[in-house]
Amino acid sequence: MSDAFAILILVIGVAGFFFIFRALRVHDPRRDEDAARAFYDEHGHWPDQSPEEAEAERRELARVYRP
């Protein structure tokens, strides 16, 4: 009986490990960040910004950080 319990615990542990490993691979936050950076490189603004908002932010930063 204790052997069956040990095997059951082992199976549950292995299944839990694979579930956690798969969840971490699928929901990698760096993947979203890399996609946002690629969008910025291509379009010149972040995905959640309009081009007008990005231009206003650039003007404000240029005003503040003038040498």
PDB file of N, CA and C in Angstrom:
ATOM      1  N   MET A   1       0.825  -1.196   0.000  1.00  0.00           N
ATOM      2  CA  MET A   1       0.000   0.000   0.000  1.00  0.00           C
ATOM      3  C   MET A   1       0.869   1.260   0.000  1.00  0.00           C
ATOM      4  N   SER A   2       1.951   1.250   0.769  1.00  0.00           N
ATOM      5  CA  SER A   2       2.794   2.442   0.825  1.00  0.00           C
ATOM      6  C   SER A   2       3.523   2.656  -0.497  1.00  0.00           C
ATOM      7  N   ASP A   3       3.795   1.574  -1.245  1.00  0.00           N
ATOM      8  CA  ASP A   3       4.419   1.731  -2.564  1.00  0.00           C
ATOM      9  C   ASP A   3       3.465   2.430  -3.533  1.00  0.00           C
ATOM     10  N   ALA A   4       2.200   2.091  -3.484  1.00  0.00           N
ATOM     11  CA  ALA A   4       1.213   2.720  -4.353  1.00  0.00           C
ATOM     12  C   ALA A   4       1.086   4.206  -4.001  1.00  0.00           C
ATOM     13  N   PHE A   5       1.127   4.533  -2.722  1.00  0.00           N
ATOM     14  CA  PHE A   5       1.048   5.918  -2.294  1.00  0.00           C
ATOM     15  C   PHE A   5       2.279   6.701  -2.763  1.00  0.00           C
ATOM     16  N   ALA A   6       3.445   6.095  -2.678  1.00  0.00           N
ATOM     17  CA  ALA A   6       4.681   6.746  -3.117  1.00  0.00           C
ATOM     18  C   ALA A   6       4.649   6.983  -4.631  1.00  0.00           C
ATOM     19  N   ILE A   7       4.157   6.033  -5.375  1.00  0.00           N
ATOM     20  CA  ILE A   7       4.053   6.192  -6.830  1.00  0.00           C
ATOM     21  C   ILE A   7       3.058   7.294  -7.170  1.00  0.00           C
ATOM     22  N   LEU A   8       1.934   7.325  -6.453  1.00  0.00           N
ATOM     23  CA  LEU A   8       0.941   8.376  -6.681  1.00  0.00           C
ATOM     24  C   LEU A   8       1.536   9.764  -6.399  1.00  0.00           C
ATOM     25  N   ILE A   9       2.262   9.906  -5.304  1.00  0.00           N
ATOM     26  CA  ILE A   9       2.895  11.179  -4.967  1.00  0.00           C
ATOM     27  C   ILE A   9       3.926  11.551  -6.032  1.00  0.00           C
ATOM     28  N   LEU A  10       4.675  10.593  -6.524  1.00  0.00           N
ATOM     29  CA  LEU A  10       5.657  10.837  -7.573  1.00  0.00           C
ATOM     30  C   LEU A  10       4.984  11.312  -8.856  1.00  0.00           C
ATOM     31  N   VAL A  11       3.907  10.667  -9.245  1.00  0.00           N
ATOM     32  CA  VAL A  11       3.185  11.054 -10.466  1.00  0.00           C
ATOM     33  C   VAL A  11       2.618  12.464 -10.321  1.00  0.00           C
ATOM     34  N   ILE A  12       2.037  12.768  -9.179  1.00  0.00           N
ATOM     35  CA  ILE A  12       1.490  14.104  -8.947  1.00  0.00           C
ATOM     36  C   ILE A  12       2.611  15.144  -8.977  1.00  0.00           C
ATOM     37  N   GLY A  13       3.743  14.844  -8.387  1.00  0.00           N
ATOM     38  CA  GLY A  13       4.870  15.771  -8.391  1.00  0.00           C
ATOM     39  C   GLY A  13       5.411  16.026  -9.782  1.00  0.00           C
ATOM     40  N   VAL A  14       5.565  14.972 -10.576  1.00  0.00           N
ATOM     41  CA  VAL A  14       6.066  15.127 -11.949  1.00  0.00           C
ATOM     42  C   VAL A  14       5.060  15.910 -12.793  1.00  0.00           C
ATOM     43  N   ALA A  15       3.781  15.594 -12.655  1.00  0.00           N
ATOM     44  CA  ALA A  15       2.759  16.322 -13.412  1.00  0.00           C
ATOM     45  C   ALA A  15       2.740  17.795 -12.996  1.00  0.00           C
ATOM     46  N   GLY A  16       2.880  18.074 -11.714  1.00  0.00           N
ATOM     47  CA  GLY A  16       2.926  19.456 -11.246  1.00  0.00           C
ATOM     48  C   GLY A  16       4.140  20.200 -11.777  1.00  0.00           C
ATOM     49  N   PHE A  17       5.279  19.522 -11.814  1.00  0.00           N
ATOM     50  CA  PHE A  17       6.492  20.145 -12.355  1.00  0.00           C
ATOM     51  C   PHE A  17       6.294  20.512 -13.819  1.00  0.00           C
ATOM     52  N   PHE A  18       5.769  19.595 -14.615  1.00  0.00           N
ATOM     53  CA  PHE A  18       5.560  19.887 -16.026  1.00  0.00           C
ATOM     54  C   PHE A  18       4.510  20.972 -16.235  1.00  0.00           C
ATOM     55  N   PHE A  19       3.492  21.016 -15.412  1.00  0.00           N
ATOM     56  CA  PHE A  19       2.482  22.072 -15.500  1.00  0.00           C
ATOM     57  C   PHE A  19       3.107  23.441 -15.228  1.00  0.00           C
ATOM     58  N   ILE A  20       3.909  23.531 -14.167  1.00  0.00           N
ATOM     59  CA  ILE A  20       4.556  24.804 -13.830  1.00  0.00           C
ATOM     60  C   ILE A  20       5.544  25.197 -14.918  1.00  0.00           C
ATOM     61  N   PHE A  21       6.331  24.248 -15.403  1.00  0.00           N
ATOM     62  CA  PHE A  21       7.305  24.532 -16.453  1.00  0.00           C
ATOM     63  C   PHE A  21       6.611  25.035 -17.717  1.00  0.00           C
ATOM     64  N   ARG A  22       5.530  24.396 -18.105  1.00  0.00           N
ATOM     65  CA  ARG A  22       4.795  24.814 -19.303  1.00  0.00           C
ATOM     66  C   ARG A  22       4.150  26.190 -19.106  1.00  0.00           C
ATOM     67  N   ALA A  23       3.605  26.431 -17.934  1.00  0.00           N
ATOM     68  CA  ALA A  23       2.979  27.725 -17.658  1.00  0.00           C
ATOM     69  C   ALA A  23       4.012  28.846 -17.707  1.00  0.00           C
ATOM     70  N   LEU A  24       5.202  28.597 -17.208  1.00  0.00           N
ATOM     71  CA  LEU A  24       6.242  29.620 -17.252  1.00  0.00           C
ATOM     72  C   LEU A  24       6.723  29.876 -18.675  1.00  0.00           C
ATOM     73  N   ARG A  25       6.761  28.850 -19.503  1.00  0.00           N
ATOM     74  CA  ARG A  25       7.199  29.038 -20.885  1.00  0.00           C
ATOM     75  C   ARG A  25       6.153  29.772 -21.709  1.00  0.00           C
ATOM     76  N   VAL A  26       4.896  29.475 -21.498  1.00  0.00           N
ATOM     77  CA  VAL A  26       3.824  30.084 -22.284  1.00  0.00           C
ATOM     78  C   VAL A  26       3.615  31.540 -21.889  1.00  0.00           C
ATOM     79  N   HIS A  27       3.695  31.849 -20.612  1.00  0.00           N
ATOM     80  CA  HIS A  27       3.395  33.194 -20.108  1.00  0.00           C
ATOM     81  C   HIS A  27       4.671  33.948 -19.750  1.00  0.00           C
ATOM     82  N   ASP A  28       5.631  33.947 -20.648  1.00  0.00           N
ATOM     83  CA  ASP A  28       6.891  34.632 -20.411  1.00  0.00           C
ATOM     84  C   ASP A  28       6.703  36.129 -20.628  1.00  0.00           C
ATOM     85  N   PRO A  29       6.834  36.955 -19.581  1.00  0.00           N
ATOM     86  CA  PRO A  29       6.610  38.400 -19.743  1.00  0.00           C
ATOM     87  C   PRO A  29       7.659  39.046 -20.638  1.00  0.00           C
ATOM     88  N   ARG A  30       8.835  38.442 -20.761  1.00  0.00           N
ATOM     89  CA  ARG A  30       9.863  39.018 -21.628  1.00  0.00           C
ATOM     90  C   ARG A  30       9.443  38.963 -23.083  1.00  0.00           C
ATOM     91  N   ARG A  31       8.629  38.004 -23.441  1.00  0.00           N
ATOM     92  CA  ARG A  31       8.161  37.893 -24.827  1.00  0.00           C
ATOM     93  C   ARG A  31       7.321  39.121 -25.202  1.00  0.00           C
ATOM     94  N   ASP A  32       6.445  39.551 -24.295  1.00  0.00           N
ATOM     95  CA  ASP A  32       5.630  40.745 -24.539  1.00  0.00           C
ATOM     96  C   ASP A  32       6.501  41.992 -24.613  1.00  0.00           C
ATOM     97  N   GLU A  33       7.503  42.062 -23.737  1.00  0.00           N
ATOM     98  CA  GLU A  33       8.397  43.215 -23.730  1.00  0.00           C
ATOM     99  C   GLU A  33       9.211  43.281 -25.019  1.00  0.00           C
ATOM    100  N   ASP A  34       9.694  42.143 -25.483  1.00  0.00           N
ATOM    101  CA  ASP A  34      10.446  42.117 -26.741  1.00  0.00           C
ATOM    102  C   ASP A  34       9.573  42.534 -27.918  1.00  0.00           C
ATOM    103  N   ALA A  35       8.328  42.101 -27.915  1.00  0.00           N
ATOM    104  CA  ALA A  35       7.413  42.486 -28.989  1.00  0.00           C
ATOM    105  C   ALA A  35       7.146  43.993 -28.958  1.00  0.00           C
ATOM    106  N   ALA A  36       7.010  44.563 -27.757  1.00  0.00           N
ATOM    107  CA  ALA A  36       6.783  46.002 -27.641  1.00  0.00           C
ATOM    108  C   ALA A  36       8.009  46.784 -28.121  1.00  0.00           C
ATOM    109  N   ARG A  37       9.207  46.295 -27.788  1.00  0.00           N
ATOM    110  CA  ARG A  37      10.427  46.973 -28.250  1.00  0.00           C
ATOM    111  C   ARG A  37      10.564  46.892 -29.769  1.00  0.00           C
ATOM    112  N   ALA A  38      10.216  45.760 -30.356  1.00  0.00           N
ATOM    113  CA  ALA A  38      10.260  45.632 -31.813  1.00  0.00           C
ATOM    114  C   ALA A  38       9.262  46.597 -32.454  1.00  0.00           C
ATOM    115  N   PHE A  39       8.083  46.736 -31.867  1.00  0.00           N
ATOM    116  CA  PHE A  39       7.085  47.684 -32.360  1.00  0.00           C
ATOM    117  C   PHE A  39       7.629  49.107 -32.287  1.00  0.00           C
ATOM    118  N   TYR A  40       8.293  49.449 -31.166  1.00  0.00           N
ATOM    119  CA  TYR A  40       8.861  50.784 -31.008  1.00  0.00           C
ATOM    120  C   TYR A  40       9.938  51.041 -32.065  1.00  0.00           C
ATOM    121  N   ASP A  41      10.797  50.054 -32.296  1.00  0.00           N
ATOM    122  CA  ASP A  41      11.852  50.217 -33.298  1.00  0.00           C
ATOM    123  C   ASP A  41      11.276  50.448 -34.689  1.00  0.00           C
ATOM    124  N   GLU A  42      10.166  49.797 -34.977  1.00  0.00           N
ATOM    125  CA  GLU A  42       9.576  49.909 -36.310  1.00  0.00           C
ATOM    126  C   GLU A  42       8.745  51.182 -36.476  1.00  0.00           C
ATOM    127  N   HIS A  43       7.990  51.573 -35.434  1.00  0.00           N
ATOM    128  CA  HIS A  43       7.020  52.662 -35.568  1.00  0.00           C
ATOM    129  C   HIS A  43       7.418  53.959 -34.875  1.00  0.00           C
ATOM    130  N   GLY A  44       8.360  53.904 -33.923  1.00  0.00           N
ATOM    131  CA  GLY A  44       8.787  55.110 -33.234  1.00  0.00           C
ATOM    132  C   GLY A  44       7.936  55.509 -32.048  1.00  0.00           C
ATOM    133  N   HIS A  45       7.005  54.661 -31.674  1.00  0.00           N
ATOM    134  CA  HIS A  45       6.214  54.898 -30.456  1.00  0.00           C
ATOM    135  C   HIS A  45       5.803  53.551 -29.891  1.00  0.00           C
ATOM    136  N   TRP A  46       5.417  53.559 -28.608  1.00  0.00           N
ATOM    137  CA  TRP A  46       5.031  52.314 -27.943  1.00  0.00           C
ATOM    138  C   TRP A  46       3.655  51.867 -28.422  1.00  0.00           C
ATOM    139  N   PRO A  47       3.336  50.591 -28.298  1.00  0.00           N
ATOM    140  CA  PRO A  47       2.040  50.092 -28.788  1.00  0.00           C
ATOM    141  C   PRO A  47       0.832  50.759 -28.133  1.00  0.00           C
ATOM    142  N   ASP A  48       0.957  51.195 -26.882  1.00  0.00           N
ATOM    143  CA  ASP A  48      -0.184  51.814 -26.207  1.00  0.00           C
ATOM    144  C   ASP A  48      -0.210  53.333 -26.361  1.00  0.00           C
ATOM    145  N   GLN A  49       0.643  53.886 -27.218  1.00  0.00           N
ATOM    146  CA  GLN A  49       0.673  55.321 -27.479  1.00  0.00           C
ATOM    147  C   GLN A  49       0.219  55.603 -28.900  1.00  0.00           C
ATOM    148  N   SER A  50      -0.393  56.750 -29.073  1.00  0.00           N
ATOM    149  CA  SER A  50      -0.656  57.209 -30.435  1.00  0.00           C
ATOM    150  C   SER A  50       0.578  57.973 -30.903  1.00  0.00           C
ATOM    151  N   PRO A  51       0.753  58.121 -32.201  1.00  0.00           N
ATOM    152  CA  PRO A  51       1.905  58.894 -32.687  1.00  0.00           C
ATOM    153  C   PRO A  51       1.912  60.331 -32.151  1.00  0.00           C
ATOM    154  N   GLU A  52       0.736  60.910 -31.969  1.00  0.00           N
ATOM    155  CA  GLU A  52       0.654  62.270 -31.442  1.00  0.00           C
ATOM    156  C   GLU A  52       1.129  62.332 -29.987  1.00  0.00           C
ATOM    157  N   GLU A  53       0.741  61.348 -29.188  1.00  0.00           N
ATOM    158  CA  GLU A  53       1.195  61.304 -27.798  1.00  0.00           C
ATOM    159  C   GLU A  53       2.709  61.132 -27.722  1.00  0.00           C
ATOM    160  N   ALA A  54       3.253  60.303 -28.594  1.00  0.00           N
ATOM    161  CA  ALA A  54       4.698  60.084 -28.603  1.00  0.00           C
ATOM    162  C   ALA A  54       5.432  61.361 -28.985  1.00  0.00           C
ATOM    163  N   GLU A  55       4.928  62.097 -29.962  1.00  0.00           N
ATOM    164  CA  GLU A  55       5.561  63.344 -30.375  1.00  0.00           C
ATOM    165  C   GLU A  55       5.491  64.392 -29.259  1.00  0.00           C
ATOM    166  N   ALA A  56       4.368  64.474 -28.560  1.00  0.00           N
ATOM    167  CA  ALA A  56       4.240  65.408 -27.438  1.00  0.00           C
ATOM    168  C   ALA A  56       5.225  65.036 -26.324  1.00  0.00           C
ATOM    169  N   GLU A  57       5.395  63.756 -26.068  1.00  0.00           N
ATOM    170  CA  GLU A  57       6.350  63.318 -25.045  1.00  0.00           C
ATOM    171  C   GLU A  57       7.784  63.665 -25.461  1.00  0.00           C
ATOM    172  N   ARG A  58       8.112  63.474 -26.742  1.00  0.00           N
ATOM    173  CA  ARG A  58       9.450  63.833 -27.229  1.00  0.00           C
ATOM    174  C   ARG A  58       9.714  65.328 -27.082  1.00  0.00           C
ATOM    175  N   ARG A  59       8.722  66.160 -27.418  1.00  0.00           N
ATOM    176  CA  ARG A  59       8.889  67.606 -27.267  1.00  0.00           C
ATOM    177  C   ARG A  59       9.103  67.991 -25.809  1.00  0.00           C
ATOM    178  N   GLU A  60       8.341  67.396 -24.918  1.00  0.00           N
ATOM    179  CA  GLU A  60       8.474  67.686 -23.485  1.00  0.00           C
ATOM    180  C   GLU A  60       9.843  67.268 -22.974  1.00  0.00           C
ATOM    181  N   LEU A  61      10.307  66.098 -23.372  1.00  0.00           N
ATOM    182  CA  LEU A  61      11.624  65.636 -22.927  1.00  0.00           C
ATOM    183  C   LEU A  61      12.734  66.506 -23.514  1.00  0.00           C
ATOM    184  N   ALA A  62      12.581  66.934 -24.753  1.00  0.00           N
ATOM    185  CA  ALA A  62      13.589  67.814 -25.367  1.00  0.00           C
ATOM    186  C   ALA A  62      13.629  69.159 -24.642  1.00  0.00           C
ATOM    187  N   ARG A  63      12.485  69.629 -24.193  1.00  0.00           N
ATOM    188  CA  ARG A  63      12.432  70.898 -23.464  1.00  0.00           C
ATOM    189  C   ARG A  63      13.119  70.767 -22.114  1.00  0.00           C
ATOM    190  N   VAL A  64      12.909  69.651 -21.448  1.00  0.00           N
ATOM    191  CA  VAL A  64      13.464  69.461 -20.104  1.00  0.00           C
ATOM    192  C   VAL A  64      14.956  69.172 -20.165  1.00  0.00           C
ATOM    193  N   TYR A  65      15.399  68.402 -21.121  1.00  0.00           N
ATOM    194  CA  TYR A  65      16.794  67.960 -21.174  1.00  0.00           C
ATOM    195  C   TYR A  65      17.633  68.723 -22.179  1.00  0.00           C
ATOM    196  N   ARG A  66      17.379  69.982 -22.364  1.00  0.00           N
ATOM    197  CA  ARG A  66      18.221  70.797 -23.260  1.00  0.00           C
ATOM    198  C   ARG A  66      19.585  71.008 -22.634  1.00  0.00           C
ATOM    199  N   PRO A  67      20.645  70.843 -23.424  1.00  0.00           N
ATOM    200  CA  PRO A  67      21.999  71.034 -22.880  1.00  0.00           C
ATOM    201  C   PRO A  67      22.346  72.489 -22.671  1.00  0.00           C
TER     202      PRO A  67
END
